[in-house]
Amino acid sequence: MPPAASVFDRSAAVVHAAGVVLRRRFPGEWRFLLLRGSGRGEWGFAKGHCDPGEDLPTTARRECLEECGLDPRLEPSIPQELLYHLPDGRLKRVAYFAATSDQGEVVLSDEHDRHRWADPAETRAMLPHRGLRRLFDRHLAGLPSC
């Protein structure tokens, strides 16, 4: 996988980022970690921009560790991509990896002000963007039962 352009490289036509759809087993069900952004107050999954020369799986793990203090186990599946345009017109490509964690204590960075381990219905209802909800639906379709 080629190294991704940094978000700070304004000449890059595509900005690359990676994140995780992180789940944890609770009695009888999967729950998913949602983080609420401090700035806009939107709920979403841990994600962030690639550092220069960093590959997507490394970015996904690093961002999860930085944003919530959990070290995810990335599953050996192909990540799902979400594409959208940034306000400056560049295309942003976010690769979301399926991941699990047995850790429960979340330690938030300054980027987020709340977290929630939500069941699938709550997770879907809390996601603010149609594309992210569709990505989550595709993720759910491939999950093993709990």
N, C-alpha and C. Protein backbone atom coordinates (compact mmCIF):
# COMPACT_ATOMS: atom_id res chain seq x y z
N MET A 1 0.84 -1.16 0.00
CA MET A 1 0.00 0.00 0.00
C MET A 1 0.90 1.24 0.00
N PRO A 2 0.70 2.18 -0.93
CA PRO A 2 1.56 3.36 -0.97
C PRO A 2 1.32 4.24 0.25
N PRO A 3 2.36 4.99 0.63
CA PRO A 3 2.15 5.90 1.75
C PRO A 3 1.11 6.94 1.40
N ALA A 4 0.37 7.35 2.39
CA ALA A 4 -0.72 8.30 2.19
C ALA A 4 -0.23 9.72 2.35
N ALA A 5 -0.88 10.63 1.66
CA ALA A 5 -0.58 12.05 1.79
C ALA A 5 -1.09 12.55 3.13
N SER A 6 -0.39 13.49 3.68
CA SER A 6 -0.81 14.10 4.94
C SER A 6 -1.93 15.08 4.70
N VAL A 7 -2.79 15.23 5.67
CA VAL A 7 -3.86 16.22 5.59
C VAL A 7 -3.29 17.63 5.51
N PHE A 8 -2.07 17.81 5.96
CA PHE A 8 -1.46 19.13 5.96
C PHE A 8 -0.85 19.48 4.60
N ASP A 9 -0.79 18.51 3.69
CA ASP A 9 -0.28 18.76 2.35
C ASP A 9 -1.43 19.28 1.49
N ARG A 10 -1.56 20.59 1.39
CA ARG A 10 -2.67 21.20 0.67
C ARG A 10 -2.62 20.95 -0.83
N SER A 11 -1.48 20.46 -1.34
CA SER A 11 -1.39 20.16 -2.77
C SER A 11 -1.94 18.77 -3.09
N ALA A 12 -2.16 17.97 -2.07
CA ALA A 12 -2.67 16.61 -2.30
C ALA A 12 -4.13 16.67 -2.74
N ALA A 13 -4.44 15.95 -3.80
CA ALA A 13 -5.83 15.92 -4.29
C ALA A 13 -6.71 15.05 -3.40
N VAL A 14 -6.09 14.06 -2.76
CA VAL A 14 -6.83 13.14 -1.89
C VAL A 14 -6.18 13.13 -0.52
N VAL A 15 -6.99 13.27 0.51
CA VAL A 15 -6.53 13.20 1.89
C VAL A 15 -6.90 11.81 2.41
N HIS A 16 -5.92 11.13 2.98
CA HIS A 16 -6.14 9.78 3.47
C HIS A 16 -6.25 9.76 4.98
N ALA A 17 -7.18 8.96 5.47
CA ALA A 17 -7.39 8.78 6.90
C ALA A 17 -7.80 7.34 7.15
N ALA A 18 -7.73 6.93 8.39
CA ALA A 18 -8.14 5.57 8.75
C ALA A 18 -8.72 5.57 10.15
N GLY A 19 -9.59 4.59 10.39
CA GLY A 19 -10.21 4.47 11.70
C GLY A 19 -10.67 3.06 11.95
N VAL A 20 -11.39 2.89 13.04
CA VAL A 20 -11.85 1.56 13.43
C VAL A 20 -13.33 1.60 13.79
N VAL A 21 -14.03 0.56 13.40
CA VAL A 21 -15.36 0.28 13.93
C VAL A 21 -15.06 -0.74 15.04
N LEU A 22 -14.92 -0.22 16.25
CA LEU A 22 -14.44 -1.00 17.37
C LEU A 22 -15.62 -1.59 18.14
N ARG A 23 -15.56 -2.91 18.33
CA ARG A 23 -16.63 -3.56 19.07
C ARG A 23 -16.05 -4.34 20.24
N ARG A 24 -16.91 -4.55 21.22
CA ARG A 24 -16.56 -5.29 22.43
C ARG A 24 -17.75 -6.16 22.80
N ARG A 25 -17.45 -7.34 23.26
CA ARG A 25 -18.51 -8.27 23.65
C ARG A 25 -19.04 -7.92 25.03
N PHE A 26 -20.33 -7.71 25.09
CA PHE A 26 -21.04 -7.53 26.36
C PHE A 26 -21.95 -8.75 26.50
N PRO A 27 -22.52 -9.02 27.66
CA PRO A 27 -23.36 -10.22 27.80
C PRO A 27 -24.46 -10.26 26.73
N GLY A 28 -24.34 -11.24 25.84
CA GLY A 28 -25.37 -11.49 24.84
C GLY A 28 -25.38 -10.59 23.63
N GLU A 29 -24.44 -9.63 23.53
CA GLU A 29 -24.47 -8.72 22.38
C GLU A 29 -23.12 -8.05 22.16
N TRP A 30 -22.97 -7.54 20.94
CA TRP A 30 -21.85 -6.69 20.62
C TRP A 30 -22.25 -5.25 20.92
N ARG A 31 -21.29 -4.48 21.40
CA ARG A 31 -21.47 -3.03 21.54
C ARG A 31 -20.31 -2.35 20.82
N PHE A 32 -20.57 -1.15 20.35
CA PHE A 32 -19.63 -0.43 19.51
C PHE A 32 -19.25 0.88 20.19
N LEU A 33 -17.97 1.22 20.08
CA LEU A 33 -17.49 2.44 20.72
C LEU A 33 -17.75 3.64 19.82
N LEU A 34 -18.52 4.58 20.34
CA LEU A 34 -18.76 5.86 19.68
C LEU A 34 -18.11 6.96 20.49
N LEU A 35 -17.53 7.92 19.78
CA LEU A 35 -16.89 9.07 20.40
C LEU A 35 -17.60 10.33 19.93
N ARG A 36 -17.82 11.28 20.83
CA ARG A 36 -18.45 12.53 20.43
C ARG A 36 -17.38 13.62 20.34
N GLY A 37 -17.29 14.22 19.17
CA GLY A 37 -16.29 15.25 18.93
C GLY A 37 -16.52 16.48 19.78
N SER A 38 -15.46 17.03 20.32
CA SER A 38 -15.55 18.21 21.18
C SER A 38 -16.02 19.44 20.41
N GLY A 39 -15.63 19.55 19.16
CA GLY A 39 -15.95 20.74 18.39
C GLY A 39 -17.37 20.78 17.88
N ARG A 40 -17.75 19.81 17.06
CA ARG A 40 -19.07 19.82 16.40
C ARG A 40 -20.11 19.01 17.14
N GLY A 41 -19.69 18.22 18.12
CA GLY A 41 -20.65 17.44 18.90
C GLY A 41 -21.24 16.25 18.17
N GLU A 42 -20.60 15.83 17.08
CA GLU A 42 -21.10 14.67 16.32
C GLU A 42 -20.47 13.39 16.82
N TRP A 43 -21.27 12.34 16.81
CA TRP A 43 -20.80 11.01 17.22
C TRP A 43 -20.18 10.30 16.02
N GLY A 44 -19.16 9.51 16.29
CA GLY A 44 -18.54 8.72 15.23
C GLY A 44 -17.55 7.74 15.82
N PHE A 45 -16.82 7.10 14.93
CA PHE A 45 -15.82 6.11 15.31
C PHE A 45 -14.45 6.78 15.39
N ALA A 46 -13.53 6.16 16.13
CA ALA A 46 -12.17 6.68 16.21
C ALA A 46 -11.55 6.66 14.80
N LYS A 47 -11.00 7.79 14.41
CA LYS A 47 -10.35 7.89 13.09
C LYS A 47 -9.46 9.11 13.07
N GLY A 48 -8.57 9.15 12.09
CA GLY A 48 -7.72 10.31 11.94
C GLY A 48 -6.88 10.23 10.69
N HIS A 49 -6.17 11.30 10.43
CA HIS A 49 -5.38 11.42 9.22
C HIS A 49 -4.07 10.65 9.30
N CYS A 50 -3.64 10.17 8.16
CA CYS A 50 -2.38 9.46 8.06
C CYS A 50 -1.22 10.43 8.20
N ASP A 51 -0.22 10.03 8.96
CA ASP A 51 1.02 10.77 9.01
C ASP A 51 1.82 10.42 7.76
N PRO A 52 2.72 11.30 7.31
CA PRO A 52 3.52 10.99 6.12
C PRO A 52 4.23 9.65 6.24
N GLY A 53 4.09 8.81 5.22
CA GLY A 53 4.74 7.51 5.18
C GLY A 53 4.04 6.42 5.98
N GLU A 54 2.96 6.73 6.64
CA GLU A 54 2.27 5.77 7.49
C GLU A 54 1.23 5.00 6.67
N ASP A 55 1.13 3.69 6.88
CA ASP A 55 0.11 2.93 6.16
C ASP A 55 -1.22 2.99 6.92
N LEU A 56 -2.28 2.56 6.26
CA LEU A 56 -3.63 2.69 6.83
C LEU A 56 -3.85 1.90 8.11
N PRO A 57 -3.43 0.62 8.19
CA PRO A 57 -3.64 -0.10 9.46
C PRO A 57 -2.90 0.55 10.64
N THR A 58 -1.70 1.05 10.38
CA THR A 58 -0.95 1.72 11.45
C THR A 58 -1.67 2.98 11.90
N THR A 59 -2.19 3.74 10.94
CA THR A 59 -2.95 4.94 11.27
C THR A 59 -4.17 4.60 12.12
N ALA A 60 -4.92 3.58 11.71
CA ALA A 60 -6.13 3.20 12.44
C ALA A 60 -5.82 2.85 13.90
N ARG A 61 -4.79 2.05 14.11
CA ARG A 61 -4.42 1.67 15.49
C ARG A 61 -3.95 2.87 16.28
N ARG A 62 -3.08 3.69 15.68
CA ARG A 62 -2.55 4.86 16.37
C ARG A 62 -3.66 5.82 16.77
N GLU A 63 -4.57 6.09 15.85
CA GLU A 63 -5.66 7.02 16.14
C GLU A 63 -6.56 6.51 17.26
N CYS A 64 -6.84 5.22 17.26
CA CYS A 64 -7.67 4.65 18.33
C CYS A 64 -6.96 4.81 19.68
N LEU A 65 -5.67 4.49 19.70
CA LEU A 65 -4.91 4.66 20.95
C LEU A 65 -4.91 6.12 21.41
N GLU A 66 -4.68 7.05 20.48
CA GLU A 66 -4.61 8.46 20.83
C GLU A 66 -5.96 9.01 21.28
N GLU A 67 -7.03 8.60 20.62
CA GLU A 67 -8.33 9.21 20.88
C GLU A 67 -9.08 8.61 22.05
N CYS A 68 -8.84 7.32 22.34
CA CYS A 68 -9.62 6.72 23.43
C CYS A 68 -8.81 5.80 24.34
N GLY A 69 -7.51 5.66 24.09
CA GLY A 69 -6.67 4.88 24.98
C GLY A 69 -6.77 3.37 24.82
N LEU A 70 -7.48 2.90 23.79
CA LEU A 70 -7.63 1.46 23.58
C LEU A 70 -6.77 1.01 22.41
N ASP A 71 -6.14 -0.15 22.57
CA ASP A 71 -5.32 -0.73 21.50
C ASP A 71 -6.15 -1.79 20.79
N PRO A 72 -6.70 -1.47 19.62
CA PRO A 72 -7.62 -2.40 18.95
C PRO A 72 -6.90 -3.56 18.28
N ARG A 73 -7.59 -4.68 18.20
CA ARG A 73 -7.13 -5.81 17.37
C ARG A 73 -7.84 -5.69 16.03
N LEU A 74 -7.09 -5.30 15.01
CA LEU A 74 -7.68 -5.18 13.68
C LEU A 74 -7.94 -6.56 13.12
N GLU A 75 -9.10 -6.74 12.53
CA GLU A 75 -9.44 -8.02 11.93
C GLU A 75 -8.83 -8.12 10.53
N PRO A 76 -8.51 -9.31 10.10
CA PRO A 76 -7.87 -9.48 8.79
C PRO A 76 -8.88 -9.41 7.64
N SER A 77 -9.61 -8.33 7.59
CA SER A 77 -10.59 -8.15 6.52
C SER A 77 -10.23 -6.88 5.75
N ILE A 78 -10.81 -6.74 4.61
CA ILE A 78 -10.59 -5.55 3.80
C ILE A 78 -11.35 -4.39 4.44
N PRO A 79 -10.68 -3.26 4.64
CA PRO A 79 -11.38 -2.13 5.26
C PRO A 79 -12.48 -1.59 4.34
N GLN A 80 -13.48 -1.01 4.95
CA GLN A 80 -14.54 -0.34 4.19
C GLN A 80 -14.15 1.12 4.04
N GLU A 81 -14.40 1.67 2.86
CA GLU A 81 -14.01 3.04 2.60
C GLU A 81 -15.21 3.98 2.56
N LEU A 82 -14.97 5.16 3.06
CA LEU A 82 -15.94 6.24 2.99
C LEU A 82 -15.26 7.40 2.28
N LEU A 83 -15.91 7.92 1.25
CA LEU A 83 -15.37 9.03 0.46
C LEU A 83 -16.27 10.24 0.58
N TYR A 84 -15.67 11.41 0.77
CA TYR A 84 -16.45 12.65 0.78
C TYR A 84 -15.52 13.82 0.49
N HIS A 85 -16.11 14.95 0.14
CA HIS A 85 -15.33 16.14 -0.16
C HIS A 85 -15.19 17.02 1.07
N LEU A 86 -13.99 17.53 1.24
CA LEU A 86 -13.71 18.49 2.31
C LEU A 86 -14.16 19.88 1.85
N PRO A 87 -14.33 20.81 2.78
CA PRO A 87 -14.76 22.15 2.40
C PRO A 87 -13.86 22.83 1.36
N ASP A 88 -12.57 22.45 1.34
CA ASP A 88 -11.66 23.06 0.36
C ASP A 88 -11.70 22.36 -1.00
N GLY A 89 -12.59 21.38 -1.15
CA GLY A 89 -12.77 20.71 -2.43
C GLY A 89 -11.98 19.42 -2.61
N ARG A 90 -11.03 19.16 -1.74
CA ARG A 90 -10.27 17.92 -1.86
C ARG A 90 -11.13 16.73 -1.46
N LEU A 91 -10.78 15.57 -2.00
CA LEU A 91 -11.47 14.34 -1.66
C LEU A 91 -10.82 13.73 -0.42
N LYS A 92 -11.65 13.29 0.52
CA LYS A 92 -11.14 12.59 1.71
C LYS A 92 -11.56 11.14 1.61
N ARG A 93 -10.59 10.25 1.78
CA ARG A 93 -10.82 8.80 1.74
C ARG A 93 -10.48 8.24 3.12
N VAL A 94 -11.50 7.70 3.80
CA VAL A 94 -11.30 7.12 5.13
C VAL A 94 -11.50 5.62 5.05
N ALA A 95 -10.49 4.86 5.45
CA ALA A 95 -10.57 3.40 5.51
C ALA A 95 -10.91 3.01 6.94
N TYR A 96 -12.06 2.33 7.11
CA TYR A 96 -12.48 1.87 8.43
C TYR A 96 -12.22 0.37 8.54
N PHE A 97 -11.45 0.01 9.55
CA PHE A 97 -11.13 -1.39 9.80
C PHE A 97 -12.05 -1.94 10.89
N ALA A 98 -12.50 -3.17 10.71
CA ALA A 98 -13.22 -3.87 11.77
C ALA A 98 -12.20 -4.22 12.86
N ALA A 99 -12.57 -4.00 14.12
CA ALA A 99 -11.63 -4.24 15.21
C ALA A 99 -12.40 -4.64 16.46
N THR A 100 -11.69 -5.31 17.35
CA THR A 100 -12.27 -5.71 18.63
C THR A 100 -11.35 -5.25 19.75
N SER A 101 -11.92 -5.23 20.95
CA SER A 101 -11.16 -4.90 22.14
C SER A 101 -11.78 -5.62 23.33
N ASP A 102 -10.94 -6.09 24.22
CA ASP A 102 -11.41 -6.64 25.49
C ASP A 102 -11.29 -5.60 26.59
N GLN A 103 -10.60 -4.51 26.29
CA GLN A 103 -10.41 -3.43 27.26
C GLN A 103 -11.71 -2.65 27.39
N GLY A 104 -11.98 -2.16 28.57
CA GLY A 104 -13.21 -1.42 28.76
C GLY A 104 -13.03 0.03 29.14
N GLU A 105 -11.90 0.36 29.79
CA GLU A 105 -11.71 1.73 30.27
C GLU A 105 -11.26 2.64 29.14
N VAL A 106 -12.10 3.60 28.82
CA VAL A 106 -11.82 4.56 27.76
C VAL A 106 -11.24 5.83 28.38
N VAL A 107 -10.13 6.29 27.82
CA VAL A 107 -9.50 7.54 28.24
C VAL A 107 -9.49 8.46 27.03
N LEU A 108 -10.36 9.45 27.05
CA LEU A 108 -10.55 10.32 25.89
C LEU A 108 -9.45 11.37 25.76
N SER A 109 -9.12 11.69 24.52
CA SER A 109 -8.23 12.81 24.23
C SER A 109 -9.07 14.08 24.25
N ASP A 110 -8.42 15.22 24.04
CA ASP A 110 -9.13 16.50 24.00
C ASP A 110 -10.04 16.62 22.79
N GLU A 111 -9.86 15.75 21.79
CA GLU A 111 -10.67 15.81 20.57
C GLU A 111 -12.12 15.39 20.81
N HIS A 112 -12.35 14.67 21.92
CA HIS A 112 -13.69 14.14 22.20
C HIS A 112 -14.08 14.46 23.63
N ASP A 113 -15.39 14.65 23.84
CA ASP A 113 -15.85 14.98 25.19
C ASP A 113 -16.72 13.90 25.82
N ARG A 114 -17.15 12.91 25.03
CA ARG A 114 -17.95 11.81 25.57
C ARG A 114 -17.68 10.55 24.77
N HIS A 115 -18.00 9.42 25.39
CA HIS A 115 -17.94 8.14 24.68
C HIS A 115 -19.14 7.29 25.11
N ARG A 116 -19.42 6.30 24.32
CA ARG A 116 -20.52 5.38 24.64
C ARG A 116 -20.28 4.05 23.96
N TRP A 117 -20.45 2.96 24.71
CA TRP A 117 -20.49 1.62 24.14
C TRP A 117 -21.97 1.37 23.82
N ALA A 118 -22.32 1.44 22.56
CA ALA A 118 -23.73 1.39 22.15
C ALA A 118 -24.05 0.08 21.45
N ASP A 119 -25.29 -0.37 21.62
CA ASP A 119 -25.72 -1.57 20.88
C ASP A 119 -25.91 -1.17 19.41
N PRO A 120 -26.11 -2.14 18.53
CA PRO A 120 -26.19 -1.81 17.10
C PRO A 120 -27.26 -0.78 16.74
N ALA A 121 -28.45 -0.89 17.33
CA ALA A 121 -29.51 0.07 17.00
C ALA A 121 -29.16 1.48 17.48
N GLU A 122 -28.62 1.59 18.69
CA GLU A 122 -28.20 2.90 19.21
C GLU A 122 -27.08 3.48 18.35
N THR A 123 -26.13 2.63 17.99
CA THR A 123 -25.00 3.08 17.18
C THR A 123 -25.50 3.69 15.88
N ARG A 124 -26.34 2.95 15.19
CA ARG A 124 -26.85 3.44 13.91
C ARG A 124 -27.61 4.75 14.08
N ALA A 125 -28.42 4.85 15.13
CA ALA A 125 -29.22 6.06 15.36
C ALA A 125 -28.34 7.27 15.71
N MET A 126 -27.20 7.04 16.31
CA MET A 126 -26.34 8.14 16.74
C MET A 126 -25.40 8.64 15.65
N LEU A 127 -25.20 7.85 14.60
CA LEU A 127 -24.30 8.27 13.52
C LEU A 127 -24.98 9.37 12.71
N PRO A 128 -24.30 10.50 12.52
CA PRO A 128 -24.96 11.67 11.94
C PRO A 128 -25.03 11.71 10.41
N HIS A 129 -24.28 10.85 9.73
CA HIS A 129 -24.21 10.95 8.26
C HIS A 129 -24.65 9.65 7.59
N ARG A 130 -25.41 9.80 6.53
CA ARG A 130 -25.94 8.64 5.80
C ARG A 130 -24.84 7.68 5.35
N GLY A 131 -23.75 8.21 4.84
CA GLY A 131 -22.66 7.35 4.38
C GLY A 131 -22.07 6.52 5.50
N LEU A 132 -21.94 7.12 6.67
CA LEU A 132 -21.41 6.40 7.83
C LEU A 132 -22.40 5.33 8.31
N ARG A 133 -23.69 5.64 8.25
CA ARG A 133 -24.70 4.63 8.62
C ARG A 133 -24.66 3.45 7.65
N ARG A 134 -24.52 3.73 6.36
CA ARG A 134 -24.44 2.63 5.38
C ARG A 134 -23.19 1.79 5.60
N LEU A 135 -22.08 2.43 5.90
CA LEU A 135 -20.85 1.70 6.20
C LEU A 135 -21.07 0.80 7.41
N PHE A 136 -21.73 1.32 8.45
CA PHE A 136 -21.99 0.53 9.65
C PHE A 136 -22.92 -0.64 9.33
N ASP A 137 -23.94 -0.42 8.50
CA ASP A 137 -24.84 -1.50 8.11
C ASP A 137 -24.08 -2.63 7.42
N ARG A 138 -23.15 -2.28 6.53
CA ARG A 138 -22.34 -3.30 5.84
C ARG A 138 -21.45 -4.04 6.86
N HIS A 139 -20.95 -3.30 7.83
CA HIS A 139 -20.14 -3.91 8.88
C HIS A 139 -20.97 -4.92 9.68
N LEU A 140 -22.18 -4.53 10.05
CA LEU A 140 -23.05 -5.43 10.83
C LEU A 140 -23.37 -6.71 10.07
N ALA A 141 -23.55 -6.58 8.76
CA ALA A 141 -23.91 -7.75 7.95
C ALA A 141 -22.84 -8.83 7.99
N GLY A 142 -21.60 -8.45 8.24
CA GLY A 142 -20.51 -9.42 8.26
C GLY A 142 -20.11 -9.90 9.64
N LEU A 143 -20.85 -9.50 10.68
CA LEU A 143 -20.45 -9.86 12.05
C LEU A 143 -20.87 -11.27 12.43
N PRO A 144 -20.02 -11.95 13.19
CA PRO A 144 -20.46 -13.22 13.80
C PRO A 144 -21.45 -12.93 14.91
N SER A 145 -22.30 -13.88 15.22
CA SER A 145 -23.22 -13.66 16.34
C SER A 145 -22.44 -13.66 17.63
N CYS A 146 -22.99 -13.04 18.63
CA CYS A 146 -22.30 -12.88 19.91
C CYS A 146 -22.48 -14.10 20.78
